[in-house]
């Protein structure tokens, strides 16, 4: 089943994100290589693809996991969690309708 992992950043998370980004992206690439990643990306803090120093306010990942427990466990092990980038992480069941 698909799950949405919706994360909210702490204030001024930009430097923390930069430090943890390589490990964070490596885990996403692993999901992609396993054919389980539907989409992933950050929420820019301003109306721009490249927000520069304004940084990001959170992230969205939609991926396939065996069950909700596995999805939550995967989200809890995210390098951004360990680095203190996220203030909260919500994991929800997700039904893809379109496209």
PDB file of N, CA and C in Angstrom:
ATOM      1  N   UNK A   1       0.838  -1.184   0.000  1.00  0.00           N
ATOM      2  CA  UNK A   1       0.000   0.000   0.000  1.00  0.00           C
ATOM      3  C   UNK A   1       0.882   1.247   0.000  1.00  0.00           C
ATOM      4  N   UNK A   2       0.296   2.336  -0.479  1.00  0.00           N
ATOM      5  CA  UNK A   2       1.016   3.604  -0.492  1.00  0.00           C
ATOM      6  C   UNK A   2       0.781   4.370   0.799  1.00  0.00           C
ATOM      7  N   UNK A   3       1.816   5.133   1.188  1.00  0.00           N
ATOM      8  CA  UNK A   3       1.749   5.961   2.383  1.00  0.00           C
ATOM      9  C   UNK A   3       2.356   7.324   2.073  1.00  0.00           C
ATOM     10  N   UNK A   4       1.737   8.372   2.623  1.00  0.00           N
ATOM     11  CA  UNK A   4       2.264   9.729   2.527  1.00  0.00           C
ATOM     12  C   UNK A   4       2.979  10.048   3.830  1.00  0.00           C
ATOM     13  N   UNK A   5       4.210  10.488   3.702  1.00  0.00           N
ATOM     14  CA  UNK A   5       5.004  10.924   4.858  1.00  0.00           C
ATOM     15  C   UNK A   5       5.121  12.437   4.731  1.00  0.00           C
ATOM     16  N   UNK A   6       4.458  13.142   5.645  1.00  0.00           N
ATOM     17  CA  UNK A   6       4.347  14.592   5.580  1.00  0.00           C
ATOM     18  C   UNK A   6       5.109  15.169   6.766  1.00  0.00           C
ATOM     19  N   UNK A   7       6.171  15.898   6.468  1.00  0.00           N
ATOM     20  CA  UNK A   7       7.056  16.399   7.521  1.00  0.00           C
ATOM     21  C   UNK A   7       7.044  17.915   7.569  1.00  0.00           C
ATOM     22  N   UNK A   8       7.115  18.434   8.768  1.00  0.00           N
ATOM     23  CA  UNK A   8       7.190  19.886   8.994  1.00  0.00           C
ATOM     24  C   UNK A   8       8.562  20.209   9.570  1.00  0.00           C
ATOM     25  N   UNK A   9       9.238  21.193   9.002  1.00  0.00           N
ATOM     26  CA  UNK A   9      10.567  21.588   9.475  1.00  0.00           C
ATOM     27  C   UNK A   9      10.502  22.453  10.728  1.00  0.00           C
ATOM     28  N   UNK A  10      11.584  22.424  11.496  1.00  0.00           N
ATOM     29  CA  UNK A  10      11.782  23.385  12.571  1.00  0.00           C
ATOM     30  C   UNK A  10      12.128  24.726  11.922  1.00  0.00           C
ATOM     31  N   UNK A  11      12.073  25.795  12.681  1.00  0.00           N
ATOM     32  CA  UNK A  11      12.493  27.105  12.179  1.00  0.00           C
ATOM     33  C   UNK A  11      13.983  27.056  11.829  1.00  0.00           C
ATOM     34  N   UNK A  12      14.355  27.767  10.780  1.00  0.00           N
ATOM     35  CA  UNK A  12      15.765  27.866  10.360  1.00  0.00           C
ATOM     36  C   UNK A  12      16.428  26.504  10.208  1.00  0.00           C
ATOM     37  N   UNK A  13      15.783  25.629   9.464  1.00  0.00           N
ATOM     38  CA  UNK A  13      16.276  24.253   9.280  1.00  0.00           C
ATOM     39  C   UNK A  13      17.319  24.121   8.172  1.00  0.00           C
ATOM     40  N   UNK A  14      17.550  25.180   7.423  1.00  0.00           N
ATOM     41  CA  UNK A  14      18.359  25.088   6.206  1.00  0.00           C
ATOM     42  C   UNK A  14      19.726  24.439   6.435  1.00  0.00           C
ATOM     43  N   UNK A  15      20.487  24.888   7.422  1.00  0.00           N
ATOM     44  CA  UNK A  15      21.828  24.335   7.661  1.00  0.00           C
ATOM     45  C   UNK A  15      21.757  22.873   8.098  1.00  0.00           C
ATOM     46  N   UNK A  16      20.764  22.530   8.890  1.00  0.00           N
ATOM     47  CA  UNK A  16      20.592  21.135   9.303  1.00  0.00           C
ATOM     48  C   UNK A  16      20.268  20.262   8.100  1.00  0.00           C
ATOM     49  N   UNK A  17      19.441  20.784   7.200  1.00  0.00           N
ATOM     50  CA  UNK A  17      19.096  20.037   5.980  1.00  0.00           C
ATOM     51  C   UNK A  17      20.338  19.764   5.138  1.00  0.00           C
ATOM     52  N   UNK A  18      21.150  20.781   4.952  1.00  0.00           N
ATOM     53  CA  UNK A  18      22.338  20.620   4.106  1.00  0.00           C
ATOM     54  C   UNK A  18      23.229  19.494   4.641  1.00  0.00           C
ATOM     55  N   UNK A  19      23.432  19.462   5.950  1.00  0.00           N
ATOM     56  CA  UNK A  19      24.304  18.456   6.538  1.00  0.00           C
ATOM     57  C   UNK A  19      23.778  17.038   6.414  1.00  0.00           C
ATOM     58  N   UNK A  20      22.466  16.861   6.505  1.00  0.00           N
ATOM     59  CA  UNK A  20      21.873  15.524   6.480  1.00  0.00           C
ATOM     60  C   UNK A  20      21.376  15.111   5.096  1.00  0.00           C
ATOM     61  N   UNK A  21      21.401  16.034   4.140  1.00  0.00           N
ATOM     62  CA  UNK A  21      20.808  15.769   2.826  1.00  0.00           C
ATOM     63  C   UNK A  21      21.395  14.560   2.102  1.00  0.00           C
ATOM     64  N   UNK A  22      22.703  14.367   2.051  1.00  0.00           N
ATOM     65  CA  UNK A  22      23.215  13.205   1.302  1.00  0.00           C
ATOM     66  C   UNK A  22      22.651  11.872   1.809  1.00  0.00           C
ATOM     67  N   UNK A  23      22.581  11.691   3.107  1.00  0.00           N
ATOM     68  CA  UNK A  23      22.043  10.446   3.657  1.00  0.00           C
ATOM     69  C   UNK A  23      20.531  10.351   3.434  1.00  0.00           C
ATOM     70  N   UNK A  24      19.839  11.473   3.552  1.00  0.00           N
ATOM     71  CA  UNK A  24      18.394  11.516   3.303  1.00  0.00           C
ATOM     72  C   UNK A  24      18.097  11.108   1.857  1.00  0.00           C
ATOM     73  N   UNK A  25      18.805  11.698   0.911  1.00  0.00           N
ATOM     74  CA  UNK A  25      18.589  11.409  -0.504  1.00  0.00           C
ATOM     75  C   UNK A  25      18.976   9.964  -0.833  1.00  0.00           C
ATOM     76  N   UNK A  26      20.019   9.447  -0.214  1.00  0.00           N
ATOM     77  CA  UNK A  26      20.433   8.058  -0.460  1.00  0.00           C
ATOM     78  C   UNK A  26      19.307   7.079  -0.126  1.00  0.00           C
ATOM     79  N   UNK A  27      18.587   7.348   0.957  1.00  0.00           N
ATOM     80  CA  UNK A  27      17.463   6.473   1.326  1.00  0.00           C
ATOM     81  C   UNK A  27      16.339   6.576   0.299  1.00  0.00           C
ATOM     82  N   UNK A  28      16.110   7.780  -0.221  1.00  0.00           N
ATOM     83  CA  UNK A  28      15.081   7.947  -1.240  1.00  0.00           C
ATOM     84  C   UNK A  28      15.469   7.242  -2.534  1.00  0.00           C
ATOM     85  N   UNK A  29      16.736   7.319  -2.887  1.00  0.00           N
ATOM     86  CA  UNK A  29      17.216   6.624  -4.092  1.00  0.00           C
ATOM     87  C   UNK A  29      17.044   5.118  -3.928  1.00  0.00           C
ATOM     88  N   UNK A  30      17.282   4.613  -2.734  1.00  0.00           N
ATOM     89  CA  UNK A  30      17.081   3.181  -2.485  1.00  0.00           C
ATOM     90  C   UNK A  30      15.610   2.803  -2.710  1.00  0.00           C
ATOM     91  N   UNK A  31      14.681   3.604  -2.190  1.00  0.00           N
ATOM     92  CA  UNK A  31      13.258   3.340  -2.433  1.00  0.00           C
ATOM     93  C   UNK A  31      12.945   3.374  -3.926  1.00  0.00           C
ATOM     94  N   UNK A  32      13.509   4.350  -4.625  1.00  0.00           N
ATOM     95  CA  UNK A  32      13.304   4.472  -6.077  1.00  0.00           C
ATOM     96  C   UNK A  32      13.827   3.243  -6.793  1.00  0.00           C
ATOM     97  N   UNK A  33      15.027   2.814  -6.445  1.00  0.00           N
ATOM     98  CA  UNK A  33      15.636   1.650  -7.087  1.00  0.00           C
ATOM     99  C   UNK A  33      14.836   0.372  -6.825  1.00  0.00           C
ATOM    100  N   UNK A  34      14.142   0.330  -5.702  1.00  0.00           N
ATOM    101  CA  UNK A  34      13.292  -0.812  -5.370  1.00  0.00           C
ATOM    102  C   UNK A  34      11.910  -0.695  -6.022  1.00  0.00           C
ATOM    103  N   UNK A  35      11.661   0.408  -6.733  1.00  0.00           N
ATOM    104  CA  UNK A  35      10.384   0.621  -7.400  1.00  0.00           C
ATOM    105  C   UNK A  35       9.255   0.997  -6.457  1.00  0.00           C
ATOM    106  N   UNK A  36       9.589   1.518  -5.282  1.00  0.00           N
ATOM    107  CA  UNK A  36       8.569   1.834  -4.274  1.00  0.00           C
ATOM    108  C   UNK A  36       8.309   3.324  -4.097  1.00  0.00           C
ATOM    109  N   UNK A  37       9.126   4.182  -4.685  1.00  0.00           N
ATOM    110  CA  UNK A  37       8.969   5.631  -4.524  1.00  0.00           C
ATOM    111  C   UNK A  37       8.056   6.185  -5.609  1.00  0.00           C
ATOM    112  N   UNK A  38       7.013   6.876  -5.188  1.00  0.00           N
ATOM    113  CA  UNK A  38       6.093   7.523  -6.127  1.00  0.00           C
ATOM    114  C   UNK A  38       6.525   8.969  -6.367  1.00  0.00           C
ATOM    115  N   UNK A  39       6.817   9.688  -5.282  1.00  0.00           N
ATOM    116  CA  UNK A  39       7.315  11.059  -5.396  1.00  0.00           C
ATOM    117  C   UNK A  39       7.935  11.479  -4.073  1.00  0.00           C
ATOM    118  N   UNK A  40       8.799  12.460  -4.154  1.00  0.00           N
ATOM    119  CA  UNK A  40       9.448  12.995  -2.949  1.00  0.00           C
ATOM    120  C   UNK A  40       9.957  14.398  -3.247  1.00  0.00           C
ATOM    121  N   UNK A  41       9.845  15.263  -2.257  1.00  0.00           N
ATOM    122  CA  UNK A  41      10.389  16.599  -2.424  1.00  0.00           C
ATOM    123  C   UNK A  41      10.050  17.496  -1.257  1.00  0.00           C
ATOM    124  N   UNK A  42      10.772  18.627  -1.183  1.00  0.00           N
ATOM    125  CA  UNK A  42      10.560  19.582  -0.101  1.00  0.00           C
ATOM    126  C   UNK A  42       9.503  20.626  -0.464  1.00  0.00           C
ATOM    127  N   UNK A  43       9.041  21.323   0.554  1.00  0.00           N
ATOM    128  CA  UNK A  43       8.123  22.444   0.387  1.00  0.00           C
ATOM    129  C   UNK A  43       8.944  23.733   0.541  1.00  0.00           C
ATOM    130  N   UNK A  44       9.217  24.458  -0.552  1.00  0.00           N
ATOM    131  CA  UNK A  44       9.977  25.703  -0.451  1.00  0.00           C
ATOM    132  C   UNK A  44       9.266  26.720   0.452  1.00  0.00           C
ATOM    133  N   UNK A  45      10.042  27.467   1.209  1.00  0.00           N
ATOM    134  CA  UNK A  45       9.494  28.465   2.122  1.00  0.00           C
ATOM    135  C   UNK A  45       8.933  29.682   1.391  1.00  0.00           C
ATOM    136  N   UNK A  46       9.361  29.876   0.147  1.00  0.00           N
ATOM    137  CA  UNK A  46       8.845  30.975  -0.673  1.00  0.00           C
ATOM    138  C   UNK A  46       8.385  30.403  -2.007  1.00  0.00           C
ATOM    139  N   UNK A  47       7.721  31.197  -2.787  1.00  0.00           N
ATOM    140  CA  UNK A  47       7.154  30.764  -4.065  1.00  0.00           C
ATOM    141  C   UNK A  47       8.250  30.677  -5.129  1.00  0.00           C
ATOM    142  N   UNK A  48       9.116  29.673  -4.974  1.00  0.00           N
ATOM    143  CA  UNK A  48      10.240  29.504  -5.884  1.00  0.00           C
ATOM    144  C   UNK A  48      10.741  28.066  -5.818  1.00  0.00           C
ATOM    145  N   UNK A  49      11.157  27.519  -6.949  1.00  0.00           N
ATOM    146  CA  UNK A  49      11.739  26.175  -6.961  1.00  0.00           C
ATOM    147  C   UNK A  49      13.045  26.163  -6.172  1.00  0.00           C
ATOM    148  N   UNK A  50      13.813  27.248  -6.282  1.00  0.00           N
ATOM    149  CA  UNK A  50      15.071  27.368  -5.546  1.00  0.00           C
ATOM    150  C   UNK A  50      14.935  28.520  -4.548  1.00  0.00           C
ATOM    151  N   UNK A  51      14.543  28.216  -3.304  1.00  0.00           N
ATOM    152  CA  UNK A  51      14.289  29.285  -2.348  1.00  0.00           C
ATOM    153  C   UNK A  51      15.532  29.894  -1.716  1.00  0.00           C
ATOM    154  N   UNK A  52      16.717  29.380  -2.068  1.00  0.00           N
ATOM    155  CA  UNK A  52      17.950  29.925  -1.513  1.00  0.00           C
ATOM    156  C   UNK A  52      17.961  29.853  -0.001  1.00  0.00           C
ATOM    157  N   UNK A  53      18.422  30.913   0.643  1.00  0.00           N
ATOM    158  CA  UNK A  53      18.534  30.945   2.103  1.00  0.00           C
ATOM    159  C   UNK A  53      17.186  30.886   2.817  1.00  0.00           C
ATOM    160  N   UNK A  54      16.080  31.132   2.091  1.00  0.00           N
ATOM    161  CA  UNK A  54      14.756  31.041   2.722  1.00  0.00           C
ATOM    162  C   UNK A  54      14.468  29.602   3.144  1.00  0.00           C
ATOM    163  N   UNK A  55      15.060  28.664   2.418  1.00  0.00           N
ATOM    164  CA  UNK A  55      14.963  27.260   2.796  1.00  0.00           C
ATOM    165  C   UNK A  55      13.607  26.634   2.537  1.00  0.00           C
ATOM    166  N   UNK A  56      13.279  25.665   3.378  1.00  0.00           N
ATOM    167  CA  UNK A  56      12.092  24.854   3.173  1.00  0.00           C
ATOM    168  C   UNK A  56      11.289  24.763   4.473  1.00  0.00           C
ATOM    169  N   UNK A  57      10.011  24.443   4.329  1.00  0.00           N
ATOM    170  CA  UNK A  57       9.138  24.335   5.501  1.00  0.00           C
ATOM    171  C   UNK A  57       8.786  22.894   5.835  1.00  0.00           C
ATOM    172  N   UNK A  58       9.163  21.966   4.988  1.00  0.00           N
ATOM    173  CA  UNK A  58       8.849  20.562   5.224  1.00  0.00           C
ATOM    174  C   UNK A  58       9.073  19.743   3.973  1.00  0.00           C
ATOM    175  N   UNK A  59       8.575  18.505   4.015  1.00  0.00           N
ATOM    176  CA  UNK A  59       8.772  17.585   2.901  1.00  0.00           C
ATOM    177  C   UNK A  59       7.560  16.679   2.738  1.00  0.00           C
ATOM    178  N   UNK A  60       7.425  16.117   1.534  1.00  0.00           N
ATOM    179  CA  UNK A  60       6.404  15.121   1.245  1.00  0.00           C
ATOM    180  C   UNK A  60       7.062  13.946   0.540  1.00  0.00           C
ATOM    181  N   UNK A  61       6.793  12.762   1.033  1.00  0.00           N
ATOM    182  CA  UNK A  61       7.246  11.521   0.391  1.00  0.00           C
ATOM    183  C   UNK A  61       6.016  10.636   0.255  1.00  0.00           C
ATOM    184  N   UNK A  62       5.813  10.078  -0.932  1.00  0.00           N
ATOM    185  CA  UNK A  62       4.775   9.071  -1.134  1.00  0.00           C
ATOM    186  C   UNK A  62       5.489   7.830  -1.640  1.00  0.00           C
ATOM    187  N   UNK A  63       5.333   6.742  -0.884  1.00  0.00           N
ATOM    188  CA  UNK A  63       6.047   5.511  -1.222  1.00  0.00           C
ATOM    189  C   UNK A  63       5.242   4.295  -0.775  1.00  0.00           C
ATOM    190  N   UNK A  64       5.633   3.161  -1.319  1.00  0.00           N
ATOM    191  CA  UNK A  64       4.968   1.896  -0.993  1.00  0.00           C
ATOM    192  C   UNK A  64       5.694   1.198   0.157  1.00  0.00           C
ATOM    193  N   UNK A  65       4.911   0.749   1.123  1.00  0.00           N
ATOM    194  CA  UNK A  65       5.416  -0.036   2.253  1.00  0.00           C
ATOM    195  C   UNK A  65       4.453  -1.185   2.503  1.00  0.00           C
ATOM    196  N   UNK A  66       4.903  -2.185   3.227  1.00  0.00           N
ATOM    197  CA  UNK A  66       4.065  -3.349   3.539  1.00  0.00           C
ATOM    198  C   UNK A  66       2.842  -2.955   4.364  1.00  0.00           C
ATOM    199  N   UNK A  67       3.048  -2.034   5.306  1.00  0.00           N
ATOM    200  CA  UNK A  67       1.967  -1.634   6.200  1.00  0.00           C
ATOM    201  C   UNK A  67       2.335  -0.308   6.860  1.00  0.00           C
ATOM    202  N   UNK A  68       1.396   0.228   7.621  1.00  0.00           N
ATOM    203  CA  UNK A  68       1.597   1.522   8.267  1.00  0.00           C
ATOM    204  C   UNK A  68       2.750   1.480   9.263  1.00  0.00           C
ATOM    205  N   UNK A  69       2.887   0.395   9.976  1.00  0.00           N
ATOM    206  CA  UNK A  69       3.978   0.263  10.946  1.00  0.00           C
ATOM    207  C   UNK A  69       5.336   0.366  10.250  1.00  0.00           C
ATOM    208  N   UNK A  70       5.485  -0.298   9.115  1.00  0.00           N
ATOM    209  CA  UNK A  70       6.752  -0.235   8.370  1.00  0.00           C
ATOM    210  C   UNK A  70       7.012   1.176   7.845  1.00  0.00           C
ATOM    211  N   UNK A  71       5.963   1.839   7.365  1.00  0.00           N
ATOM    212  CA  UNK A  71       6.116   3.209   6.856  1.00  0.00           C
ATOM    213  C   UNK A  71       6.551   4.151   7.980  1.00  0.00           C
ATOM    214  N   UNK A  72       5.927   4.006   9.149  1.00  0.00           N
ATOM    215  CA  UNK A  72       6.307   4.857  10.288  1.00  0.00           C
ATOM    216  C   UNK A  72       7.733   4.584  10.731  1.00  0.00           C
ATOM    217  N   UNK A  73       8.110   3.325  10.756  1.00  0.00           N
ATOM    218  CA  UNK A  73       9.471   2.961  11.151  1.00  0.00           C
ATOM    219  C   UNK A  73      10.486   3.570  10.186  1.00  0.00           C
ATOM    220  N   UNK A  74      10.206   3.472   8.885  1.00  0.00           N
ATOM    221  CA  UNK A  74      11.099   4.046   7.873  1.00  0.00           C
ATOM    222  C   UNK A  74      11.203   5.555   8.081  1.00  0.00           C
ATOM    223  N   UNK A  75      10.074   6.208   8.305  1.00  0.00           N
ATOM    224  CA  UNK A  75      10.074   7.665   8.502  1.00  0.00           C
ATOM    225  C   UNK A  75      10.845   8.049   9.761  1.00  0.00           C
ATOM    226  N   UNK A  76      10.704   7.271  10.823  1.00  0.00           N
ATOM    227  CA  UNK A  76      11.395   7.569  12.082  1.00  0.00           C
ATOM    228  C   UNK A  76      12.910   7.481  11.953  1.00  0.00           C
ATOM    229  N   UNK A  77      13.380   6.695  10.983  1.00  0.00           N
ATOM    230  CA  UNK A  77      14.822   6.496  10.782  1.00  0.00           C
ATOM    231  C   UNK A  77      15.423   7.474   9.774  1.00  0.00           C
ATOM    232  N   UNK A  78      14.637   8.428   9.310  1.00  0.00           N
ATOM    233  CA  UNK A  78      15.127   9.395   8.331  1.00  0.00           C
ATOM    234  C   UNK A  78      16.262  10.223   8.932  1.00  0.00           C
ATOM    235  N   UNK A  79      17.345  10.425   8.192  1.00  0.00           N
ATOM    236  CA  UNK A  79      18.439  11.266   8.679  1.00  0.00           C
ATOM    237  C   UNK A  79      18.008  12.690   9.050  1.00  0.00           C
ATOM    238  N   UNK A  80      16.972  13.209   8.415  1.00  0.00           N
ATOM    239  CA  UNK A  80      16.476  14.525   8.787  1.00  0.00           C
ATOM    240  C   UNK A  80      15.878  14.509  10.197  1.00  0.00           C
ATOM    241  N   UNK A  81      15.284  13.399  10.599  1.00  0.00           N
ATOM    242  CA  UNK A  81      14.767  13.274  11.967  1.00  0.00           C
ATOM    243  C   UNK A  81      15.940  13.308  12.938  1.00  0.00           C
ATOM    244  N   UNK A  82      16.959  12.503  12.664  1.00  0.00           N
ATOM    245  CA  UNK A  82      18.138  12.428  13.543  1.00  0.00           C
ATOM    246  C   UNK A  82      18.862  13.775  13.644  1.00  0.00           C
ATOM    247  N   UNK A  83      18.854  14.542  12.550  1.00  0.00           N
ATOM    248  CA  UNK A  83      19.553  15.829  12.525  1.00  0.00           C
ATOM    249  C   UNK A  83      18.715  16.969  13.113  1.00  0.00           C
ATOM    250  N   UNK A  84      17.477  16.697  13.487  1.00  0.00           N
ATOM    251  CA  UNK A  84      16.628  17.736  14.053  1.00  0.00           C
ATOM    252  C   UNK A  84      16.022  18.679  13.033  1.00  0.00           C
ATOM    253  N   UNK A  85      15.932  18.244  11.771  1.00  0.00           N
ATOM    254  CA  UNK A  85      15.339  19.080  10.721  1.00  0.00           C
ATOM    255  C   UNK A  85      13.822  19.178  10.903  1.00  0.00           C
ATOM    256  N   UNK A  86      13.201  18.073  11.260  1.00  0.00           N
ATOM    257  CA  UNK A  86      11.742  18.031  11.343  1.00  0.00           C
ATOM    258  C   UNK A  86      11.241  18.291  12.760  1.00  0.00           C
ATOM    259  N   UNK A  87      10.189  19.088  12.862  1.00  0.00           N
ATOM    260  CA  UNK A  87       9.507  19.272  14.146  1.00  0.00           C
ATOM    261  C   UNK A  87       8.390  18.250  14.307  1.00  0.00           C
ATOM    262  N   UNK A  88       7.865  17.763  13.180  1.00  0.00           N
ATOM    263  CA  UNK A  88       6.831  16.732  13.232  1.00  0.00           C
ATOM    264  C   UNK A  88       6.828  15.929  11.937  1.00  0.00           C
ATOM    265  N   UNK A  89       6.383  14.683  12.055  1.00  0.00           N
ATOM    266  CA  UNK A  89       6.257  13.797  10.902  1.00  0.00           C
ATOM    267  C   UNK A  89       4.938  13.050  11.046  1.00  0.00           C
ATOM    268  N   UNK A  90       4.106  13.140  10.013  1.00  0.00           N
ATOM    269  CA  UNK A  90       2.832  12.427   9.986  1.00  0.00           C
ATOM    270  C   UNK A  90       2.905  11.408   8.867  1.00  0.00           C
ATOM    271  N   UNK A  91       2.478  10.181   9.166  1.00  0.00           N
ATOM    272  CA  UNK A  91       2.437   9.117   8.164  1.00  0.00           C
ATOM    273  C   UNK A  91       0.982   8.693   8.011  1.00  0.00           C
ATOM    274  N   UNK A  92       0.487   8.737   6.767  1.00  0.00           N
ATOM    275  CA  UNK A  92      -0.914   8.417   6.494  1.00  0.00           C
ATOM    276  C   UNK A  92      -1.018   7.452   5.323  1.00  0.00           C
ATOM    277  N   UNK A  93      -2.055   6.620   5.360  1.00  0.00           N
ATOM    278  CA  UNK A  93      -2.397   5.803   4.188  1.00  0.00           C
ATOM    279  C   UNK A  93      -2.688   6.753   3.031  1.00  0.00           C
ATOM    280  N   UNK A  94      -2.373   6.309   1.815  1.00  0.00           N
ATOM    281  CA  UNK A  94      -2.566   7.172   0.650  1.00  0.00           C
ATOM    282  C   UNK A  94      -3.105   6.328  -0.504  1.00  0.00           C
ATOM    283  N   UNK A  95      -4.201   6.774  -1.086  1.00  0.00           N
ATOM    284  CA  UNK A  95      -4.751   6.129  -2.290  1.00  0.00           C
ATOM    285  C   UNK A  95      -4.505   7.023  -3.480  1.00  0.00           C
ATOM    286  N   UNK A  96      -3.668   6.577  -4.397  1.00  0.00           N
ATOM    287  CA  UNK A  96      -3.414   7.347  -5.615  1.00  0.00           C
ATOM    288  C   UNK A  96      -4.588   7.172  -6.583  1.00  0.00           C
ATOM    289  N   UNK A  97      -5.182   8.294  -6.981  1.00  0.00           N
ATOM    290  CA  UNK A  97      -6.297   8.265  -7.903  1.00  0.00           C
ATOM    291  C   UNK A  97      -5.861   8.735  -9.286  1.00  0.00           C
ATOM    292  N   UNK A  98      -5.123   9.834  -9.352  1.00  0.00           N
ATOM    293  CA  UNK A  98      -4.653  10.383 -10.619  1.00  0.00           C
ATOM    294  C   UNK A  98      -3.195  10.758 -10.518  1.00  0.00           C
ATOM    295  N   UNK A  99      -2.450  10.860 -11.517  1.00  0.00           N
ATOM    296  CA  UNK A  99      -2.764  10.355 -12.854  1.00  0.00           C
ATOM    297  C   UNK A  99      -2.650   8.852 -12.904  1.00  0.00           C
TER     298      UNK A  99
END
